[in-house]
Amino acid sequence: MRTTLDLHDPLAQQAKAFAALQGLSLTRLIEQGLELRMKQATLSAKPTAPMPISAQRGGLAPGLSGLSTREILDYIDEAEPNAR
């Protein structure tokens, strides 16, 4: 299909130079740009699943920082000596 585009002169010149550097025609460069833009729009329009949110409450026992596995295991051993 033939179509006439009205581009700003500086943009058209830059596009022609860029297409030449890429070994493309200006038409092919414009086609690629349109394809890319439409693909991005399609990807961003897809609905995403909501993030699951846990209703659980709690956390670490008082005094535990959570930065050390050893600290947590020691706490479990003290609270429930036969747990492991």
PDB file of N, CA and C in Angstrom:
ATOM      1  N   MET A   1       0.841  -1.163   0.000  1.00  0.00           N
ATOM      2  CA  MET A   1       0.000   0.000   0.000  1.00  0.00           C
ATOM      3  C   MET A   1       0.893   1.236   0.000  1.00  0.00           C
ATOM      4  N   ARG A   2       0.530   2.184  -0.782  1.00  0.00           N
ATOM      5  CA  ARG A   2       1.278   3.439  -0.825  1.00  0.00           C
ATOM      6  C   ARG A   2       0.582   4.440   0.083  1.00  0.00           C
ATOM      7  N   THR A   3       1.392   5.134   0.869  1.00  0.00           N
ATOM      8  CA  THR A   3       0.877   6.134   1.798  1.00  0.00           C
ATOM      9  C   THR A   3       1.824   7.316   1.798  1.00  0.00           C
ATOM     10  N   THR A   4       1.288   8.488   1.934  1.00  0.00           N
ATOM     11  CA  THR A   4       2.104   9.692   2.036  1.00  0.00           C
ATOM     12  C   THR A   4       2.188  10.088   3.499  1.00  0.00           C
ATOM     13  N   LEU A   5       3.399  10.313   3.977  1.00  0.00           N
ATOM     14  CA  LEU A   5       3.614  10.756   5.351  1.00  0.00           C
ATOM     15  C   LEU A   5       4.125  12.185   5.348  1.00  0.00           C
ATOM     16  N   ASP A   6       3.675  12.939   6.295  1.00  0.00           N
ATOM     17  CA  ASP A   6       4.139  14.322   6.439  1.00  0.00           C
ATOM     18  C   ASP A   6       5.032  14.372   7.678  1.00  0.00           C
ATOM     19  N   LEU A   7       6.339  14.244   7.471  1.00  0.00           N
ATOM     20  CA  LEU A   7       7.308  14.235   8.574  1.00  0.00           C
ATOM     21  C   LEU A   7       8.016  15.583   8.639  1.00  0.00           C
ATOM     22  N   HIS A   8       8.392  15.974   9.837  1.00  0.00           N
ATOM     23  CA  HIS A   8       9.214  17.184   9.982  1.00  0.00           C
ATOM     24  C   HIS A   8      10.542  16.930   9.273  1.00  0.00           C
ATOM     25  N   ASP A   9      11.023  17.925   8.565  1.00  0.00           N
ATOM     26  CA  ASP A   9      12.241  17.759   7.774  1.00  0.00           C
ATOM     27  C   ASP A   9      13.429  17.224   8.575  1.00  0.00           C
ATOM     28  N   PRO A  10      13.731  17.787   9.760  1.00  0.00           N
ATOM     29  CA  PRO A  10      14.884  17.255  10.500  1.00  0.00           C
ATOM     30  C   PRO A  10      14.712  15.777  10.870  1.00  0.00           C
ATOM     31  N   LEU A  11      13.499  15.385  11.244  1.00  0.00           N
ATOM     32  CA  LEU A  11      13.250  13.987  11.586  1.00  0.00           C
ATOM     33  C   LEU A  11      13.410  13.100  10.359  1.00  0.00           C
ATOM     34  N   ALA A  12      12.881  13.523   9.228  1.00  0.00           N
ATOM     35  CA  ALA A  12      12.995  12.739   7.995  1.00  0.00           C
ATOM     36  C   ALA A  12      14.459  12.571   7.598  1.00  0.00           C
ATOM     37  N   GLN A  13      15.251  13.617   7.732  1.00  0.00           N
ATOM     38  CA  GLN A  13      16.672  13.535   7.392  1.00  0.00           C
ATOM     39  C   GLN A  13      17.405  12.581   8.329  1.00  0.00           C
ATOM     40  N   GLN A  14      17.118  12.701   9.617  1.00  0.00           N
ATOM     41  CA  GLN A  14      17.757  11.788  10.581  1.00  0.00           C
ATOM     42  C   GLN A  14      17.359  10.346  10.301  1.00  0.00           C
ATOM     43  N   ALA A  15      16.083  10.128  10.016  1.00  0.00           N
ATOM     44  CA  ALA A  15      15.597   8.774   9.749  1.00  0.00           C
ATOM     45  C   ALA A  15      16.252   8.194   8.499  1.00  0.00           C
ATOM     46  N   LYS A  16      16.376   8.989   7.447  1.00  0.00           N
ATOM     47  CA  LYS A  16      17.022   8.518   6.225  1.00  0.00           C
ATOM     48  C   LYS A  16      18.474   8.147   6.479  1.00  0.00           C
ATOM     49  N   ALA A  17      19.175   8.987   7.231  1.00  0.00           N
ATOM     50  CA  ALA A  17      20.581   8.711   7.537  1.00  0.00           C
ATOM     51  C   ALA A  17      20.703   7.454   8.391  1.00  0.00           C
ATOM     52  N   PHE A  18      19.835   7.329   9.375  1.00  0.00           N
ATOM     53  CA  PHE A  18      19.869   6.147  10.250  1.00  0.00           C
ATOM     54  C   PHE A  18      19.563   4.884   9.456  1.00  0.00           C
ATOM     55  N   ALA A  19      18.550   4.938   8.598  1.00  0.00           N
ATOM     56  CA  ALA A  19      18.194   3.783   7.774  1.00  0.00           C
ATOM     57  C   ALA A  19      19.369   3.371   6.898  1.00  0.00           C
ATOM     58  N   ALA A  20      20.044   4.365   6.315  1.00  0.00           N
ATOM     59  CA  ALA A  20      21.193   4.060   5.459  1.00  0.00           C
ATOM     60  C   ALA A  20      22.297   3.370   6.259  1.00  0.00           C
ATOM     61  N   LEU A  21      22.550   3.858   7.464  1.00  0.00           N
ATOM     62  CA  LEU A  21      23.572   3.221   8.312  1.00  0.00           C
ATOM     63  C   LEU A  21      23.209   1.779   8.662  1.00  0.00           C
ATOM     64  N   GLN A  22      21.918   1.520   8.761  1.00  0.00           N
ATOM     65  CA  GLN A  22      21.446   0.179   9.102  1.00  0.00           C
ATOM     66  C   GLN A  22      21.286  -0.709   7.873  1.00  0.00           C
ATOM     67  N   GLY A  23      21.488  -0.128   6.710  1.00  0.00           N
ATOM     68  CA  GLY A  23      21.318  -0.892   5.472  1.00  0.00           C
ATOM     69  C   GLY A  23      19.850  -1.138   5.153  1.00  0.00           C
ATOM     70  N   LEU A  24      18.990  -0.221   5.568  1.00  0.00           N
ATOM     71  CA  LEU A  24      17.550  -0.361   5.361  1.00  0.00           C
ATOM     72  C   LEU A  24      17.033   0.786   4.501  1.00  0.00           C
ATOM     73  N   SER A  25      15.882   0.549   3.908  1.00  0.00           N
ATOM     74  CA  SER A  25      15.193   1.654   3.251  1.00  0.00           C
ATOM     75  C   SER A  25      14.433   2.417   4.326  1.00  0.00           C
ATOM     76  N   LEU A  26      14.087   3.649   4.035  1.00  0.00           N
ATOM     77  CA  LEU A  26      13.303   4.427   4.979  1.00  0.00           C
ATOM     78  C   LEU A  26      11.956   3.748   5.235  1.00  0.00           C
ATOM     79  N   THR A  27      11.389   3.169   4.188  1.00  0.00           N
ATOM     80  CA  THR A  27      10.115   2.458   4.336  1.00  0.00           C
ATOM     81  C   THR A  27      10.247   1.313   5.331  1.00  0.00           C
ATOM     82  N   ARG A  28      11.317   0.523   5.190  1.00  0.00           N
ATOM     83  CA  ARG A  28      11.506  -0.628   6.089  1.00  0.00           C
ATOM     84  C   ARG A  28      11.749  -0.163   7.524  1.00  0.00           C
ATOM     85  N   LEU A  29      12.492   0.920   7.701  1.00  0.00           N
ATOM     86  CA  LEU A  29      12.731   1.463   9.034  1.00  0.00           C
ATOM     87  C   LEU A  29      11.413   1.880   9.685  1.00  0.00           C
ATOM     88  N   ILE A  30      10.571   2.544   8.930  1.00  0.00           N
ATOM     89  CA  ILE A  30       9.266   2.968   9.453  1.00  0.00           C
ATOM     90  C   ILE A  30       8.408   1.750   9.781  1.00  0.00           C
ATOM     91  N   GLU A  31       8.434   0.726   8.917  1.00  0.00           N
ATOM     92  CA  GLU A  31       7.673  -0.506   9.181  1.00  0.00           C
ATOM     93  C   GLU A  31       8.132  -1.153  10.485  1.00  0.00           C
ATOM     94  N   GLN A  32       9.444  -1.248  10.662  1.00  0.00           N
ATOM     95  CA  GLN A  32       9.975  -1.859  11.880  1.00  0.00           C
ATOM     96  C   GLN A  32       9.565  -1.066  13.121  1.00  0.00           C
ATOM     97  N   GLY A  33       9.618   0.246  13.003  1.00  0.00           N
ATOM     98  CA  GLY A  33       9.225   1.089  14.126  1.00  0.00           C
ATOM     99  C   GLY A  33       7.762   0.909  14.486  1.00  0.00           C
ATOM    100  N   LEU A  34       6.910   0.850  13.478  1.00  0.00           N
ATOM    101  CA  LEU A  34       5.487   0.636  13.724  1.00  0.00           C
ATOM    102  C   LEU A  34       5.222  -0.740  14.324  1.00  0.00           C
ATOM    103  N   GLU A  35       5.898  -1.763  13.789  1.00  0.00           N
ATOM    104  CA  GLU A  35       5.730  -3.119  14.325  1.00  0.00           C
ATOM    105  C   GLU A  35       6.144  -3.179  15.789  1.00  0.00           C
ATOM    106  N   LEU A  36       7.272  -2.568  16.097  1.00  0.00           N
ATOM    107  CA  LEU A  36       7.768  -2.570  17.470  1.00  0.00           C
ATOM    108  C   LEU A  36       6.808  -1.844  18.404  1.00  0.00           C
ATOM    109  N   ARG A  37       6.344  -0.699  17.985  1.00  0.00           N
ATOM    110  CA  ARG A  37       5.433   0.095  18.827  1.00  0.00           C
ATOM    111  C   ARG A  37       4.119  -0.646  19.071  1.00  0.00           C
ATOM    112  N   MET A  38       3.586  -1.287  18.040  1.00  0.00           N
ATOM    113  CA  MET A  38       2.333  -2.020  18.201  1.00  0.00           C
ATOM    114  C   MET A  38       2.519  -3.260  19.073  1.00  0.00           C
ATOM    115  N   LYS A  39       3.666  -3.916  18.935  1.00  0.00           N
ATOM    116  CA  LYS A  39       3.940  -5.087  19.769  1.00  0.00           C
ATOM    117  C   LYS A  39       4.033  -4.671  21.234  1.00  0.00           C
ATOM    118  N   GLN A  40       4.714  -3.577  21.521  1.00  0.00           N
ATOM    119  CA  GLN A  40       4.830  -3.090  22.891  1.00  0.00           C
ATOM    120  C   GLN A  40       3.464  -2.733  23.463  1.00  0.00           C
ATOM    121  N   ALA A  41       2.636  -2.098  22.657  1.00  0.00           N
ATOM    122  CA  ALA A  41       1.294  -1.716  23.115  1.00  0.00           C
ATOM    123  C   ALA A  41       0.461  -2.955  23.406  1.00  0.00           C
ATOM    124  N   THR A  42       0.613  -3.983  22.594  1.00  0.00           N
ATOM    125  CA  THR A  42      -0.142  -5.219  22.805  1.00  0.00           C
ATOM    126  C   THR A  42       0.319  -5.901  24.078  1.00  0.00           C
ATOM    127  N   LEU A  43       1.621  -5.937  24.308  1.00  0.00           N
ATOM    128  CA  LEU A  43       2.150  -6.584  25.509  1.00  0.00           C
ATOM    129  C   LEU A  43       1.728  -5.847  26.768  1.00  0.00           C
ATOM    130  N   SER A  44       1.747  -4.529  26.717  1.00  0.00           N
ATOM    131  CA  SER A  44       1.409  -3.760  27.911  1.00  0.00           C
ATOM    132  C   SER A  44      -0.094  -3.740  28.168  1.00  0.00           C
ATOM    133  N   ALA A  45      -0.895  -4.082  27.158  1.00  0.00           N
ATOM    134  CA  ALA A  45      -2.347  -4.076  27.316  1.00  0.00           C
ATOM    135  C   ALA A  45      -2.876  -5.382  27.897  1.00  0.00           C
ATOM    136  N   LYS A  46      -2.046  -6.417  27.938  1.00  0.00           N
ATOM    137  CA  LYS A  46      -2.495  -7.698  28.472  1.00  0.00           C
ATOM    138  C   LYS A  46      -2.761  -7.561  29.969  1.00  0.00           C
ATOM    139  N   PRO A  47      -3.892  -8.072  30.413  1.00  0.00           N
ATOM    140  CA  PRO A  47      -4.170  -7.988  31.845  1.00  0.00           C
ATOM    141  C   PRO A  47      -3.206  -8.875  32.622  1.00  0.00           C
ATOM    142  N   THR A  48      -2.820  -8.406  33.752  1.00  0.00           N
ATOM    143  CA  THR A  48      -1.931  -9.184  34.597  1.00  0.00           C
ATOM    144  C   THR A  48      -2.719  -9.715  35.781  1.00  0.00           C
ATOM    145  N   ALA A  49      -2.337 -10.869  36.240  1.00  0.00           N
ATOM    146  CA  ALA A  49      -3.005 -11.469  37.390  1.00  0.00           C
ATOM    147  C   ALA A  49      -2.657 -10.657  38.636  1.00  0.00           C
ATOM    148  N   PRO A  50      -3.623 -10.476  39.502  1.00  0.00           N
ATOM    149  CA  PRO A  50      -3.324  -9.738  40.727  1.00  0.00           C
ATOM    150  C   PRO A  50      -2.343 -10.516  41.594  1.00  0.00           C
ATOM    151  N   MET A  51      -1.518  -9.791  42.302  1.00  0.00           N
ATOM    152  CA  MET A  51      -0.567 -10.429  43.202  1.00  0.00           C
ATOM    153  C   MET A  51      -1.323 -11.050  44.360  1.00  0.00           C
ATOM    154  N   PRO A  52      -0.997 -12.301  44.714  1.00  0.00           N
ATOM    155  CA  PRO A  52      -1.676 -12.904  45.865  1.00  0.00           C
ATOM    156  C   PRO A  52      -1.217 -12.222  47.147  1.00  0.00           C
ATOM    157  N   ILE A  53      -2.166 -11.963  48.005  1.00  0.00           N
ATOM    158  CA  ILE A  53      -1.852 -11.326  49.281  1.00  0.00           C
ATOM    159  C   ILE A  53      -2.303 -12.264  50.389  1.00  0.00           C
ATOM    160  N   SER A  54      -1.403 -12.605  51.237  1.00  0.00           N
ATOM    161  CA  SER A  54      -1.715 -13.508  52.334  1.00  0.00           C
ATOM    162  C   SER A  54      -2.440 -12.768  53.447  1.00  0.00           C
ATOM    163  N   ALA A  55      -3.425 -13.450  54.021  1.00  0.00           N
ATOM    164  CA  ALA A  55      -4.160 -12.887  55.154  1.00  0.00           C
ATOM    165  C   ALA A  55      -3.488 -13.267  56.472  1.00  0.00           C
ATOM    166  N   GLN A  56      -2.437 -14.044  56.384  1.00  0.00           N
ATOM    167  CA  GLN A  56      -1.747 -14.487  57.587  1.00  0.00           C
ATOM    168  C   GLN A  56      -1.112 -13.317  58.306  1.00  0.00           C
ATOM    169  N   ARG A  57      -1.096 -13.392  59.602  1.00  0.00           N
ATOM    170  CA  ARG A  57      -0.431 -12.392  60.429  1.00  0.00           C
ATOM    171  C   ARG A  57       0.638 -13.107  61.241  1.00  0.00           C
ATOM    172  N   GLY A  58       1.515 -12.374  61.767  1.00  0.00           N
ATOM    173  CA  GLY A  58       2.529 -12.986  62.612  1.00  0.00           C
ATOM    174  C   GLY A  58       3.886 -12.431  62.295  1.00  0.00           C
ATOM    175  N   GLY A  59       4.813 -13.318  62.165  1.00  0.00           N
ATOM    176  CA  GLY A  59       6.177 -12.907  61.908  1.00  0.00           C
ATOM    177  C   GLY A  59       7.099 -13.636  62.861  1.00  0.00           C
ATOM    178  N   LEU A  60       8.238 -13.093  63.077  1.00  0.00           N
ATOM    179  CA  LEU A  60       9.221 -13.715  63.962  1.00  0.00           C
ATOM    180  C   LEU A  60       8.869 -13.468  65.422  1.00  0.00           C
ATOM    181  N   ALA A  61       9.324 -14.384  66.234  1.00  0.00           N
ATOM    182  CA  ALA A  61       9.131 -14.230  67.673  1.00  0.00           C
ATOM    183  C   ALA A  61       9.889 -12.996  68.150  1.00  0.00           C
ATOM    184  N   PRO A  62       9.413 -12.365  69.214  1.00  0.00           N
ATOM    185  CA  PRO A  62      10.114 -11.195  69.751  1.00  0.00           C
ATOM    186  C   PRO A  62      11.573 -11.526  70.059  1.00  0.00           C
ATOM    187  N   GLY A  63      12.453 -10.636  69.684  1.00  0.00           N
ATOM    188  CA  GLY A  63      13.875 -10.830  69.949  1.00  0.00           C
ATOM    189  C   GLY A  63      14.647 -11.442  68.798  1.00  0.00           C
ATOM    190  N   LEU A  64      13.957 -11.980  67.792  1.00  0.00           N
ATOM    191  CA  LEU A  64      14.644 -12.568  66.643  1.00  0.00           C
ATOM    192  C   LEU A  64      14.724 -11.529  65.529  1.00  0.00           C
ATOM    193  N   SER A  65      15.898 -11.414  64.929  1.00  0.00           N
ATOM    194  CA  SER A  65      16.073 -10.420  63.865  1.00  0.00           C
ATOM    195  C   SER A  65      15.730 -10.980  62.492  1.00  0.00           C
ATOM    196  N   GLY A  66      15.847 -12.291  62.324  1.00  0.00           N
ATOM    197  CA  GLY A  66      15.612 -12.890  61.019  1.00  0.00           C
ATOM    198  C   GLY A  66      16.818 -12.831  60.107  1.00  0.00           C
ATOM    199  N   LEU A  67      17.898 -12.253  60.604  1.00  0.00           N
ATOM    200  CA  LEU A  67      19.102 -12.131  59.790  1.00  0.00           C
ATOM    201  C   LEU A  67      20.004 -13.354  59.904  1.00  0.00           C
ATOM    202  N   SER A  68      19.730 -14.191  60.904  1.00  0.00           N
ATOM    203  CA  SER A  68      20.591 -15.341  61.129  1.00  0.00           C
ATOM    204  C   SER A  68      19.748 -16.613  61.243  1.00  0.00           C
ATOM    205  N   THR A  69      20.030 -17.567  60.371  1.00  0.00           N
ATOM    206  CA  THR A  69      19.340 -18.846  60.444  1.00  0.00           C
ATOM    207  C   THR A  69      19.702 -19.546  61.747  1.00  0.00           C
ATOM    208  N   ARG A  70      20.948 -19.426  62.142  1.00  0.00           N
ATOM    209  CA  ARG A  70      21.405 -20.051  63.389  1.00  0.00           C
ATOM    210  C   ARG A  70      20.584 -19.530  64.567  1.00  0.00           C
ATOM    211  N   GLU A  71      20.324 -18.241  64.613  1.00  0.00           N
ATOM    212  CA  GLU A  71      19.538 -17.631  65.683  1.00  0.00           C
ATOM    213  C   GLU A  71      18.126 -18.244  65.726  1.00  0.00           C
ATOM    214  N   ILE A  72      17.529 -18.425  64.576  1.00  0.00           N
ATOM    215  CA  ILE A  72      16.185 -18.987  64.513  1.00  0.00           C
ATOM    216  C   ILE A  72      16.194 -20.451  64.926  1.00  0.00           C
ATOM    217  N   LEU A  73      17.167 -21.222  64.459  1.00  0.00           N
ATOM    218  CA  LEU A  73      17.250 -22.637  64.832  1.00  0.00           C
ATOM    219  C   LEU A  73      17.501 -22.812  66.328  1.00  0.00           C
ATOM    220  N   ASP A  74      18.346 -21.956  66.878  1.00  0.00           N
ATOM    221  CA  ASP A  74      18.591 -22.013  68.322  1.00  0.00           C
ATOM    222  C   ASP A  74      17.314 -21.716  69.095  1.00  0.00           C
ATOM    223  N   TYR A  75      16.537 -20.758  68.621  1.00  0.00           N
ATOM    224  CA  TYR A  75      15.281 -20.404  69.276  1.00  0.00           C
ATOM    225  C   TYR A  75      14.321 -21.593  69.237  1.00  0.00           C
ATOM    226  N   ILE A  76      14.240 -22.272  68.084  1.00  0.00           N
ATOM    227  CA  ILE A  76      13.359 -23.436  67.963  1.00  0.00           C
ATOM    228  C   ILE A  76      13.810 -24.531  68.910  1.00  0.00           C
ATOM    229  N   ASP A  77      15.130 -24.776  68.986  1.00  0.00           N
ATOM    230  CA  ASP A  77      15.658 -25.808  69.880  1.00  0.00           C
ATOM    231  C   ASP A  77      15.320 -25.509  71.336  1.00  0.00           C
ATOM    232  N   GLU A  78      15.380 -24.242  71.723  1.00  0.00           N
ATOM    233  CA  GLU A  78      15.086 -23.864  73.098  1.00  0.00           C
ATOM    234  C   GLU A  78      13.580 -23.977  73.379  1.00  0.00           C
ATOM    235  N   ALA A  79      12.756 -23.564  72.413  1.00  0.00           N
ATOM    236  CA  ALA A  79      11.301 -23.590  72.620  1.00  0.00           C
ATOM    237  C   ALA A  79      10.745 -25.010  72.541  1.00  0.00           C
ATOM    238  N   GLU A  80      11.269 -25.793  71.620  1.00  0.00           N
ATOM    239  CA  GLU A  80      10.777 -27.172  71.409  1.00  0.00           C
ATOM    240  C   GLU A  80      11.986 -28.082  71.240  1.00  0.00           C
ATOM    241  N   PRO A  81      12.571 -28.547  72.329  1.00  0.00           N
ATOM    242  CA  PRO A  81      13.815 -29.328  72.232  1.00  0.00           C
ATOM    243  C   PRO A  81      13.738 -30.556  71.320  1.00  0.00           C
ATOM    244  N   ASN A  82      12.577 -31.157  71.158  1.00  0.00           N
ATOM    245  CA  ASN A  82      12.447 -32.359  70.328  1.00  0.00           C
ATOM    246  C   ASN A  82      11.887 -32.055  68.940  1.00  0.00           C
ATOM    247  N   ALA A  83      11.884 -30.785  68.537  1.00  0.00           N
ATOM    248  CA  ALA A  83      11.278 -30.390  67.250  1.00  0.00           C
ATOM    249  C   ALA A  83      12.086 -30.877  66.062  1.00  0.00           C
ATOM    250  N   ARG A  84      13.397 -31.032  66.233  1.00  0.00           N
ATOM    251  CA  ARG A  84      14.189 -31.469  65.076  1.00  0.00           C
ATOM    252  C   ARG A  84      14.732 -32.843  65.282  1.00  0.00           C
TER     253      ARG A  84
END
